[in-house]
PDB file of all heavy atoms in Angstrom:
ATOM      1  N   HIS A   1     110.030  26.076  62.886  1.00  0.00           N
ATOM      2  CA  HIS A   1     110.156  25.381  61.599  1.00  0.00           C
ATOM      3  C   HIS A   1     111.635  25.276  61.203  1.00  0.00           C
ATOM      4  O   HIS A   1     112.103  24.227  60.759  1.00  0.00           O
ATOM      5  CB  HIS A   1     109.409  26.149  60.502  1.00  0.00           C
ATOM      6  CG  HIS A   1     107.937  25.900  60.461  1.00  0.00           C
ATOM      7  ND1 HIS A   1     107.386  24.651  60.625  1.00  0.00           N
ATOM      8  CD2 HIS A   1     106.895  26.743  60.232  1.00  0.00           C
ATOM      9  CE1 HIS A   1     106.067  24.734  60.529  1.00  0.00           C
ATOM     10  NE2 HIS A   1     105.744  25.990  60.287  1.00  0.00           N
ATOM     11  N   GLY A   2     112.345  26.388  61.360  1.00  0.00           N
ATOM     12  CA  GLY A   2     113.748  26.419  60.975  1.00  0.00           C
ATOM     13  C   GLY A   2     114.598  25.464  61.799  1.00  0.00           C
ATOM     14  O   GLY A   2     115.438  24.733  61.255  1.00  0.00           O
ATOM     15  N   ILE A   3     114.383  25.471  63.123  1.00  0.00           N
ATOM     16  CA  ILE A   3     115.149  24.582  64.004  1.00  0.00           C
ATOM     17  C   ILE A   3     114.870  23.117  63.671  1.00  0.00           C
ATOM     18  O   ILE A   3     115.784  22.292  63.609  1.00  0.00           O
ATOM     19  CB  ILE A   3     114.820  24.881  65.476  1.00  0.00           C
ATOM     20  CG1 ILE A   3     115.344  26.266  65.865  1.00  0.00           C
ATOM     21  CG2 ILE A   3     115.414  23.807  66.386  1.00  0.00           C
ATOM     22  CD1 ILE A   3     114.942  26.716  67.256  1.00  0.00           C
ATOM     23  N   ALA A   4     113.581  22.790  63.440  1.00  0.00           N
ATOM     24  CA  ALA A   4     113.213  21.420  63.094  1.00  0.00           C
ATOM     25  C   ALA A   4     113.857  21.002  61.773  1.00  0.00           C
ATOM     26  O   ALA A   4     114.276  19.852  61.615  1.00  0.00           O
ATOM     27  CB  ALA A   4     111.697  21.286  63.011  1.00  0.00           C
ATOM     28  N   THR A   5     113.930  21.936  60.843  1.00  0.00           N
ATOM     29  CA  THR A   5     114.573  21.642  59.557  1.00  0.00           C
ATOM     30  C   THR A   5     116.040  21.287  59.754  1.00  0.00           C
ATOM     31  O   THR A   5     116.538  20.286  59.213  1.00  0.00           O
ATOM     32  CB  THR A   5     114.464  22.846  58.607  1.00  0.00           C
ATOM     33  OG1 THR A   5     113.078  23.159  58.382  1.00  0.00           O
ATOM     34  CG2 THR A   5     115.117  22.541  57.265  1.00  0.00           C
ATOM     35  N   LEU A   6     116.734  22.094  60.543  1.00  0.00           N
ATOM     36  CA  LEU A   6     118.156  21.841  60.791  1.00  0.00           C
ATOM     37  C   LEU A   6     118.366  20.530  61.544  1.00  0.00           C
ATOM     38  O   LEU A   6     119.292  19.767  61.240  1.00  0.00           O
ATOM     39  CB  LEU A   6     118.767  22.999  61.575  1.00  0.00           C
ATOM     40  CG  LEU A   6     118.783  24.365  60.873  1.00  0.00           C
ATOM     41  CD1 LEU A   6     119.377  25.425  61.802  1.00  0.00           C
ATOM     42  CD2 LEU A   6     119.558  24.311  59.564  1.00  0.00           C
ATOM     43  N   LEU A   7     117.511  20.254  62.530  1.00  0.00           N
ATOM     44  CA  LEU A   7     117.655  19.038  63.331  1.00  0.00           C
ATOM     45  C   LEU A   7     117.420  17.769  62.524  1.00  0.00           C
ATOM     46  O   LEU A   7     117.909  16.691  62.891  1.00  0.00           O
ATOM     47  CB  LEU A   7     116.688  19.076  64.527  1.00  0.00           C
ATOM     48  CG  LEU A   7     117.005  20.082  65.636  1.00  0.00           C
ATOM     49  CD1 LEU A   7     115.923  20.053  66.700  1.00  0.00           C
ATOM     50  CD2 LEU A   7     118.375  19.786  66.258  1.00  0.00           C
ATOM     51  N   THR A   8     116.650  17.884  61.439  1.00  0.00           N
ATOM     52  CA  THR A   8     116.354  16.705  60.622  1.00  0.00           C
ATOM     53  C   THR A   8     117.164  16.679  59.329  1.00  0.00           C
ATOM     54  O   THR A   8     116.813  15.978  58.381  1.00  0.00           O
ATOM     55  CB  THR A   8     114.847  16.620  60.306  1.00  0.00           C
ATOM     56  OG1 THR A   8     114.420  17.837  59.659  1.00  0.00           O
ATOM     57  CG2 THR A   8     114.041  16.419  61.570  1.00  0.00           C
ATOM     58  N   GLY A   9     118.244  17.453  59.309  1.00  0.00           N
ATOM     59  CA  GLY A   9     119.173  17.372  58.194  1.00  0.00           C
ATOM     60  C   GLY A   9     118.907  18.285  57.019  1.00  0.00           C
ATOM     61  O   GLY A   9     119.565  18.156  55.976  1.00  0.00           O
ATOM     62  N   GLY A  10     117.976  19.213  57.148  1.00  0.00           N
ATOM     63  CA  GLY A  10     117.684  20.138  56.064  1.00  0.00           C
ATOM     64  C   GLY A  10     118.448  21.440  56.208  1.00  0.00           C
ATOM     65  O   GLY A  10     119.305  21.585  57.091  1.00  0.00           O
ATOM     66  N   SER A  11     118.154  22.381  55.354  1.00  0.00           N
ATOM     67  CA  SER A  11     118.803  23.693  55.400  1.00  0.00           C
ATOM     68  C   SER A  11     117.746  24.781  55.271  1.00  0.00           C
ATOM     69  O   SER A  11     116.697  24.581  54.653  1.00  0.00           O
ATOM     70  CB  SER A  11     119.829  23.834  54.266  1.00  0.00           C
ATOM     71  OG  SER A  11     119.208  23.700  52.997  1.00  0.00           O
ATOM     72  N   VAL A  12     118.022  25.924  55.881  1.00  0.00           N
ATOM     73  CA  VAL A  12     117.092  27.058  55.863  1.00  0.00           C
ATOM     74  C   VAL A  12     117.713  28.200  55.086  1.00  0.00           C
ATOM     75  O   VAL A  12     118.852  28.597  55.357  1.00  0.00           O
ATOM     76  CB  VAL A  12     116.755  27.514  57.299  1.00  0.00           C
ATOM     77  CG1 VAL A  12     115.835  28.736  57.271  1.00  0.00           C
ATOM     78  CG2 VAL A  12     116.098  26.381  58.078  1.00  0.00           C
ATOM     79  N   SER A  13     116.962  28.720  54.133  1.00  0.00           N
ATOM     80  CA  SER A  13     117.432  29.863  53.340  1.00  0.00           C
ATOM     81  C   SER A  13     117.224  31.156  54.100  1.00  0.00           C
ATOM     82  O   SER A  13     118.156  31.896  54.380  1.00  0.00           O
ATOM     83  CB  SER A  13     116.703  29.915  51.995  1.00  0.00           C
ATOM     84  OG  SER A  13     116.954  31.141  51.334  1.00  0.00           O
ATOM     85  N   HIS A  14     115.956  31.417  54.484  1.00  0.00           N
ATOM     86  CA  HIS A  14     115.654  32.631  55.228  1.00  0.00           C
ATOM     87  C   HIS A  14     114.240  32.565  55.788  1.00  0.00           C
ATOM     88  O   HIS A  14     113.450  31.682  55.428  1.00  0.00           O
ATOM     89  CB  HIS A  14     115.807  33.885  54.352  1.00  0.00           C
ATOM     90  CG  HIS A  14     114.884  33.924  53.171  1.00  0.00           C
ATOM     91  ND1 HIS A  14     115.084  33.175  52.033  1.00  0.00           N
ATOM     92  CD2 HIS A  14     113.748  34.641  52.940  1.00  0.00           C
ATOM     93  CE1 HIS A  14     114.133  33.419  51.152  1.00  0.00           C
ATOM     94  NE2 HIS A  14     113.302  34.297  51.687  1.00  0.00           N
ATOM     95  N   ILE A  15     113.954  33.477  56.695  1.00  0.00           N
ATOM     96  CA  ILE A  15     112.629  33.641  57.281  1.00  0.00           C
ATOM     97  C   ILE A  15     112.067  34.983  56.819  1.00  0.00           C
ATOM     98  O   ILE A  15     112.795  35.968  56.729  1.00  0.00           O
ATOM     99  CB  ILE A  15     112.696  33.585  58.823  1.00  0.00           C
ATOM    100  CG1 ILE A  15     112.869  32.134  59.295  1.00  0.00           C
ATOM    101  CG2 ILE A  15     111.442  34.191  59.461  1.00  0.00           C
ATOM    102  CD1 ILE A  15     113.029  32.001  60.796  1.00  0.00           C
ATOM    103  N   GLU A  16     110.785  35.000  56.542  1.00  0.00           N
ATOM    104  CA  GLU A  16     110.142  36.235  56.108  1.00  0.00           C
ATOM    105  C   GLU A  16     108.932  36.522  56.992  1.00  0.00           C
ATOM    106  O   GLU A  16     108.087  35.651  57.202  1.00  0.00           O
ATOM    107  CB  GLU A  16     109.706  36.118  54.647  1.00  0.00           C
ATOM    108  CG  GLU A  16     109.277  37.426  54.011  1.00  0.00           C
ATOM    109  CD  GLU A  16     109.056  37.318  52.515  1.00  0.00           C
ATOM    110  OE1 GLU A  16     109.203  36.199  51.969  1.00  0.00           O
ATOM    111  OE2 GLU A  16     108.723  38.347  51.885  1.00  0.00           O
ATOM    112  N   LEU A  17     108.866  37.727  57.537  1.00  0.00           N
ATOM    113  CA  LEU A  17     107.740  38.164  58.359  1.00  0.00           C
ATOM    114  C   LEU A  17     107.025  39.306  57.654  1.00  0.00           C
ATOM    115  O   LEU A  17     107.661  40.140  57.006  1.00  0.00           O
ATOM    116  CB  LEU A  17     108.224  38.613  59.736  1.00  0.00           C
ATOM    117  CG  LEU A  17     109.018  37.582  60.546  1.00  0.00           C
ATOM    118  CD1 LEU A  17     109.506  38.187  61.858  1.00  0.00           C
ATOM    119  CD2 LEU A  17     108.179  36.341  60.819  1.00  0.00           C
ATOM    120  N   PHE A  18     105.694  39.362  57.804  1.00  0.00           N
ATOM    121  CA  PHE A  18     104.887  40.354  57.107  1.00  0.00           C
ATOM    122  C   PHE A  18     104.178  41.272  58.098  1.00  0.00           C
ATOM    123  O   PHE A  18     103.976  40.933  59.261  1.00  0.00           O
ATOM    124  CB  PHE A  18     103.871  39.662  56.201  1.00  0.00           C
ATOM    125  CG  PHE A  18     104.486  38.730  55.190  1.00  0.00           C
ATOM    126  CD1 PHE A  18     104.534  37.365  55.425  1.00  0.00           C
ATOM    127  CD2 PHE A  18     105.037  39.217  54.014  1.00  0.00           C
ATOM    128  CE1 PHE A  18     105.110  36.498  54.502  1.00  0.00           C
ATOM    129  CE2 PHE A  18     105.614  38.375  53.083  1.00  0.00           C
ATOM    130  CZ  PHE A  18     105.654  37.007  53.327  1.00  0.00           C
ATOM    131  N   MET A  19     103.755  42.419  57.617  1.00  0.00           N
ATOM    132  CA  MET A  19     103.092  43.413  58.456  1.00  0.00           C
ATOM    133  C   MET A  19     101.820  42.880  59.100  1.00  0.00           C
ATOM    134  O   MET A  19     101.457  43.269  60.207  1.00  0.00           O
ATOM    135  CB  MET A  19     102.767  44.664  57.637  1.00  0.00           C
ATOM    136  CG  MET A  19     103.957  45.572  57.371  1.00  0.00           C
ATOM    137  SD  MET A  19     104.631  46.291  58.887  1.00  0.00           S
ATOM    138  CE  MET A  19     103.260  47.329  59.396  1.00  0.00           C
ATOM    139  N   ASN A  20     101.099  41.990  58.405  1.00  0.00           N
ATOM    140  CA  ASN A  20      99.820  41.494  58.930  1.00  0.00           C
ATOM    141  C   ASN A  20      99.981  40.379  59.962  1.00  0.00           C
ATOM    142  O   ASN A  20      99.005  39.805  60.426  1.00  0.00           O
ATOM    143  CB  ASN A  20      98.931  41.017  57.776  1.00  0.00           C
ATOM    144  CG  ASN A  20      99.528  39.836  57.026  1.00  0.00           C
ATOM    145  OD1 ASN A  20     100.631  39.388  57.321  1.00  0.00           O
ATOM    146  ND2 ASN A  20      98.804  39.341  56.037  1.00  0.00           N
ATOM    147  N   GLY A  21     101.235  40.053  60.307  1.00  0.00           N
ATOM    148  CA  GLY A  21     101.475  39.026  61.313  1.00  0.00           C
ATOM    149  C   GLY A  21     101.721  37.649  60.745  1.00  0.00           C
ATOM    150  O   GLY A  21     101.968  36.704  61.505  1.00  0.00           O
ATOM    151  N   ALA A  22     101.689  37.512  59.429  1.00  0.00           N
ATOM    152  CA  ALA A  22     101.970  36.227  58.799  1.00  0.00           C
ATOM    153  C   ALA A  22     103.478  36.041  58.647  1.00  0.00           C
ATOM    154  O   ALA A  22     104.254  36.984  58.862  1.00  0.00           O
ATOM    155  CB  ALA A  22     101.284  36.145  57.436  1.00  0.00           C
ATOM    156  N   GLY A  23     103.888  34.839  58.286  1.00  0.00           N
ATOM    157  CA  GLY A  23     105.311  34.589  58.104  1.00  0.00           C
ATOM    158  C   GLY A  23     105.560  33.337  57.290  1.00  0.00           C
ATOM    159  O   GLY A  23     104.664  32.510  57.097  1.00  0.00           O
ATOM    160  N   LEU A  24     106.781  33.205  56.815  1.00  0.00           N
ATOM    161  CA  LEU A  24     107.179  32.037  56.025  1.00  0.00           C
ATOM    162  C   LEU A  24     108.611  31.654  56.391  1.00  0.00           C
ATOM    163  O   LEU A  24     109.438  32.517  56.706  1.00  0.00           O
ATOM    164  CB  LEU A  24     107.116  32.329  54.528  1.00  0.00           C
ATOM    165  CG  LEU A  24     105.730  32.530  53.900  1.00  0.00           C
ATOM    166  CD1 LEU A  24     105.881  33.044  52.477  1.00  0.00           C
ATOM    167  CD2 LEU A  24     104.930  31.230  53.917  1.00  0.00           C
ATOM    168  N   CYS A  25     108.885  30.362  56.350  1.00  0.00           N
ATOM    169  CA  CYS A  25     110.243  29.855  56.529  1.00  0.00           C
ATOM    170  C   CYS A  25     110.615  29.117  55.244  1.00  0.00           C
ATOM    171  O   CYS A  25     109.955  28.139  54.872  1.00  0.00           O
ATOM    172  CB  CYS A  25     110.317  28.916  57.732  1.00  0.00           C
ATOM    173  SG  CYS A  25     111.954  28.184  57.994  1.00  0.00           S
ATOM    174  N   TYR A  26     111.631  29.598  54.571  1.00  0.00           N
ATOM    175  CA  TYR A  26     112.053  28.998  53.308  1.00  0.00           C
ATOM    176  C   TYR A  26     113.156  27.976  53.591  1.00  0.00           C
ATOM    177  O   TYR A  26     114.248  28.337  54.032  1.00  0.00           O
ATOM    178  CB  TYR A  26     112.565  30.074  52.353  1.00  0.00           C
ATOM    179  CG  TYR A  26     111.495  31.052  51.921  1.00  0.00           C
ATOM    180  CD1 TYR A  26     111.198  32.166  52.705  1.00  0.00           C
ATOM    181  CD2 TYR A  26     110.774  30.848  50.751  1.00  0.00           C
ATOM    182  CE1 TYR A  26     110.202  33.064  52.318  1.00  0.00           C
ATOM    183  CE2 TYR A  26     109.787  31.740  50.350  1.00  0.00           C
ATOM    184  CZ  TYR A  26     109.509  32.842  51.146  1.00  0.00           C
ATOM    185  OH  TYR A  26     108.536  33.722  50.760  1.00  0.00           O
ATOM    186  N   SER A  27     112.843  26.709  53.362  1.00  0.00           N
ATOM    187  CA  SER A  27     113.786  25.645  53.707  1.00  0.00           C
ATOM    188  C   SER A  27     113.827  24.583  52.622  1.00  0.00           C
ATOM    189  O   SER A  27     112.976  24.546  51.723  1.00  0.00           O
ATOM    190  CB  SER A  27     113.397  25.014  55.043  1.00  0.00           C
ATOM    191  OG  SER A  27     112.118  24.419  54.959  1.00  0.00           O
ATOM    192  N   GLN A  28     114.804  23.712  52.760  1.00  0.00           N
ATOM    193  CA  GLN A  28     114.977  22.618  51.812  1.00  0.00           C
ATOM    194  C   GLN A  28     115.442  21.387  52.565  1.00  0.00           C
ATOM    195  O   GLN A  28     116.324  21.471  53.431  1.00  0.00           O
ATOM    196  CB  GLN A  28     116.000  23.011  50.742  1.00  0.00           C
ATOM    197  CG  GLN A  28     116.047  22.084  49.537  1.00  0.00           C
ATOM    198  CD  GLN A  28     116.937  22.630  48.446  1.00  0.00           C
ATOM    199  OE1 GLN A  28     117.965  23.250  48.718  1.00  0.00           O
ATOM    200  NE2 GLN A  28     116.551  22.427  47.197  1.00  0.00           N
ATOM    201  N   GLY A  29     114.855  20.237  52.234  1.00  0.00           N
ATOM    202  CA  GLY A  29     115.242  19.002  52.895  1.00  0.00           C
ATOM    203  C   GLY A  29     114.632  18.883  54.276  1.00  0.00           C
ATOM    204  O   GLY A  29     113.730  19.624  54.664  1.00  0.00           O
ATOM    205  N   GLY A  30     115.131  17.916  55.046  1.00  0.00           N
ATOM    206  CA  GLY A  30     114.588  17.679  56.378  1.00  0.00           C
ATOM    207  C   GLY A  30     113.384  16.761  56.341  1.00  0.00           C
ATOM    208  O   GLY A  30     112.946  16.310  55.280  1.00  0.00           O
ATOM    209  N   TRP A  31     112.847  16.472  57.522  1.00  0.00           N
ATOM    210  CA  TRP A  31     111.687  15.569  57.645  1.00  0.00           C
ATOM    211  C   TRP A  31     110.411  16.414  57.660  1.00  0.00           C
ATOM    212  O   TRP A  31     110.157  17.133  58.621  1.00  0.00           O
ATOM    213  CB  TRP A  31     111.811  14.745  58.915  1.00  0.00           C
ATOM    214  CG  TRP A  31     110.726  13.725  59.094  1.00  0.00           C
ATOM    215  CD1 TRP A  31     109.989  13.113  58.117  1.00  0.00           C
ATOM    216  CD2 TRP A  31     110.239  13.190  60.340  1.00  0.00           C
ATOM    217  NE1 TRP A  31     109.087  12.237  58.651  1.00  0.00           N
ATOM    218  CE2 TRP A  31     109.222  12.257  60.019  1.00  0.00           C
ATOM    219  CE3 TRP A  31     110.588  13.399  61.668  1.00  0.00           C
ATOM    220  CZ2 TRP A  31     108.544  11.548  61.000  1.00  0.00           C
ATOM    221  CZ3 TRP A  31     109.907  12.687  62.647  1.00  0.00           C
ATOM    222  CH2 TRP A  31     108.902  11.774  62.312  1.00  0.00           C
ATOM    223  N   PRO A  32     109.590  16.342  56.613  1.00  0.00           N
ATOM    224  CA  PRO A  32     108.399  17.199  56.496  1.00  0.00           C
ATOM    225  C   PRO A  32     107.445  17.122  57.681  1.00  0.00           C
ATOM    226  O   PRO A  32     106.863  18.135  58.072  1.00  0.00           O
ATOM    227  CB  PRO A  32     107.730  16.699  55.212  1.00  0.00           C
ATOM    228  CG  PRO A  32     108.841  16.084  54.421  1.00  0.00           C
ATOM    229  CD  PRO A  32     109.752  15.477  55.445  1.00  0.00           C
ATOM    230  N   VAL A  33     107.277  15.925  58.250  1.00  0.00           N
ATOM    231  CA  VAL A  33     106.314  15.777  59.348  1.00  0.00           C
ATOM    232  C   VAL A  33     106.766  16.568  60.572  1.00  0.00           C
ATOM    233  O   VAL A  33     105.972  17.325  61.163  1.00  0.00           O
ATOM    234  CB  VAL A  33     106.116  14.291  59.705  1.00  0.00           C
ATOM    235  CG1 VAL A  33     105.204  14.159  60.936  1.00  0.00           C
ATOM    236  CG2 VAL A  33     105.519  13.535  58.526  1.00  0.00           C
ATOM    237  N   MET A  34     108.019  16.414  60.951  1.00  0.00           N
ATOM    238  CA  MET A  34     108.520  17.141  62.113  1.00  0.00           C
ATOM    239  C   MET A  34     108.541  18.643  61.843  1.00  0.00           C
ATOM    240  O   MET A  34     108.205  19.447  62.724  1.00  0.00           O
ATOM    241  CB  MET A  34     109.925  16.655  62.483  1.00  0.00           C
ATOM    242  CG  MET A  34     110.499  17.319  63.731  1.00  0.00           C
ATOM    243  SD  MET A  34     112.049  16.563  64.255  1.00  0.00           S
ATOM    244  CE  MET A  34     112.474  17.607  65.647  1.00  0.00           C
ATOM    245  N   ILE A  35     108.942  19.007  60.632  1.00  0.00           N
ATOM    246  CA  ILE A  35     109.005  20.432  60.279  1.00  0.00           C
ATOM    247  C   ILE A  35     107.615  21.049  60.317  1.00  0.00           C
ATOM    248  O   ILE A  35     107.407  22.123  60.880  1.00  0.00           O
ATOM    249  CB  ILE A  35     109.637  20.613  58.889  1.00  0.00           C
ATOM    250  CG1 ILE A  35     111.101  20.155  58.910  1.00  0.00           C
ATOM    251  CG2 ILE A  35     109.551  22.073  58.444  1.00  0.00           C
ATOM    252  CD1 ILE A  35     111.728  20.067  57.526  1.00  0.00           C
ATOM    253  N   GLY A  36     106.643  20.364  59.724  1.00  0.00           N
ATOM    254  CA  GLY A  36     105.282  20.892  59.686  1.00  0.00           C
ATOM    255  C   GLY A  36     104.636  20.987  61.050  1.00  0.00           C
ATOM    256  O   GLY A  36     103.923  21.946  61.351  1.00  0.00           O
ATOM    257  N   PHE A  37     104.888  19.994  61.901  1.00  0.00           N
ATOM    258  CA  PHE A  37     104.263  19.977  63.225  1.00  0.00           C
ATOM    259  C   PHE A  37     104.912  20.961  64.179  1.00  0.00           C
ATOM    260  O   PHE A  37     104.282  21.431  65.128  1.00  0.00           O
ATOM    261  CB  PHE A  37     104.338  18.561  63.808  1.00  0.00           C
ATOM    262  CG  PHE A  37     103.569  18.389  65.081  1.00  0.00           C
ATOM    263  CD1 PHE A  37     102.188  18.502  65.102  1.00  0.00           C
ATOM    264  CD2 PHE A  37     104.223  18.107  66.271  1.00  0.00           C
ATOM    265  CE1 PHE A  37     101.470  18.343  66.283  1.00  0.00           C
ATOM    266  CE2 PHE A  37     103.516  17.949  67.455  1.00  0.00           C
ATOM    267  CZ  PHE A  37     102.138  18.065  67.462  1.00  0.00           C
ATOM    268  N   SER A  38     106.172  21.286  63.937  1.00  0.00           N
ATOM    269  CA  SER A  38     106.950  22.066  64.904  1.00  0.00           C
ATOM    270  C   SER A  38     106.515  23.525  65.018  1.00  0.00           C
ATOM    271  O   SER A  38     106.765  24.154  66.046  1.00  0.00           O
ATOM    272  CB  SER A  38     108.434  22.023  64.529  1.00  0.00           C
ATOM    273  OG  SER A  38     108.657  22.695  63.293  1.00  0.00           O
ATOM    274  N   GLY A  39     105.879  24.083  63.999  1.00  0.00           N
ATOM    275  CA  GLY A  39     105.549  25.515  64.018  1.00  0.00           C
ATOM    276  C   GLY A  39     104.656  25.912  65.176  1.00  0.00           C
ATOM    277  O   GLY A  39     105.050  26.696  66.058  1.00  0.00           O
ATOM    278  N   TYR A  40     103.433  25.381  65.209  1.00  0.00           N
ATOM    279  CA  TYR A  40     102.496  25.719  66.281  1.00  0.00           C
ATOM    280  C   TYR A  40     102.928  25.110  67.603  1.00  0.00           C
ATOM    281  O   TYR A  40     102.722  25.703  68.667  1.00  0.00           O
ATOM    282  CB  TYR A  40     101.087  25.249  65.914  1.00  0.00           C
ATOM    283  CG  TYR A  40     100.496  26.011  64.759  1.00  0.00           C
ATOM    284  CD1 TYR A  40     100.313  25.401  63.518  1.00  0.00           C
ATOM    285  CD2 TYR A  40     100.128  27.347  64.886  1.00  0.00           C
ATOM    286  CE1 TYR A  40      99.782  26.095  62.450  1.00  0.00           C
ATOM    287  CE2 TYR A  40      99.596  28.053  63.821  1.00  0.00           C
ATOM    288  CZ  TYR A  40      99.427  27.423  62.604  1.00  0.00           C
ATOM    289  OH  TYR A  40      98.912  28.118  61.541  1.00  0.00           O
ATOM    290  N   LEU A  41     103.538  23.912  67.544  1.00  0.00           N
ATOM    291  CA  LEU A  41     104.059  23.304  68.759  1.00  0.00           C
ATOM    292  C   LEU A  41     105.138  24.192  69.377  1.00  0.00           C
ATOM    293  O   LEU A  41     105.113  24.484  70.577  1.00  0.00           O
ATOM    294  CB  LEU A  41     104.659  21.934  68.437  1.00  0.00           C
ATOM    295  CG  LEU A  41     105.424  21.240  69.565  1.00  0.00           C
ATOM    296  CD1 LEU A  41     104.458  20.809  70.668  1.00  0.00           C
ATOM    297  CD2 LEU A  41     106.198  20.036  69.040  1.00  0.00           C
ATOM    298  N   GLY A  42     106.078  24.645  68.548  1.00  0.00           N
ATOM    299  CA  GLY A  42     107.169  25.477  69.045  1.00  0.00           C
ATOM    300  C   GLY A  42     106.691  26.803  69.602  1.00  0.00           C
ATOM    301  O   GLY A  42     107.201  27.276  70.622  1.00  0.00           O
TER     302      GLY A  42
END
């Protein structure tokens, strides 16, 4: 998600990982479609 955000002109604040295996990528800008698709694809 973070790499896709940067490649499409956005910025990444930080990544957060949780004990249960979940995670979040805090970003701003970029192309939502590429960013959204890139997680499971990546």
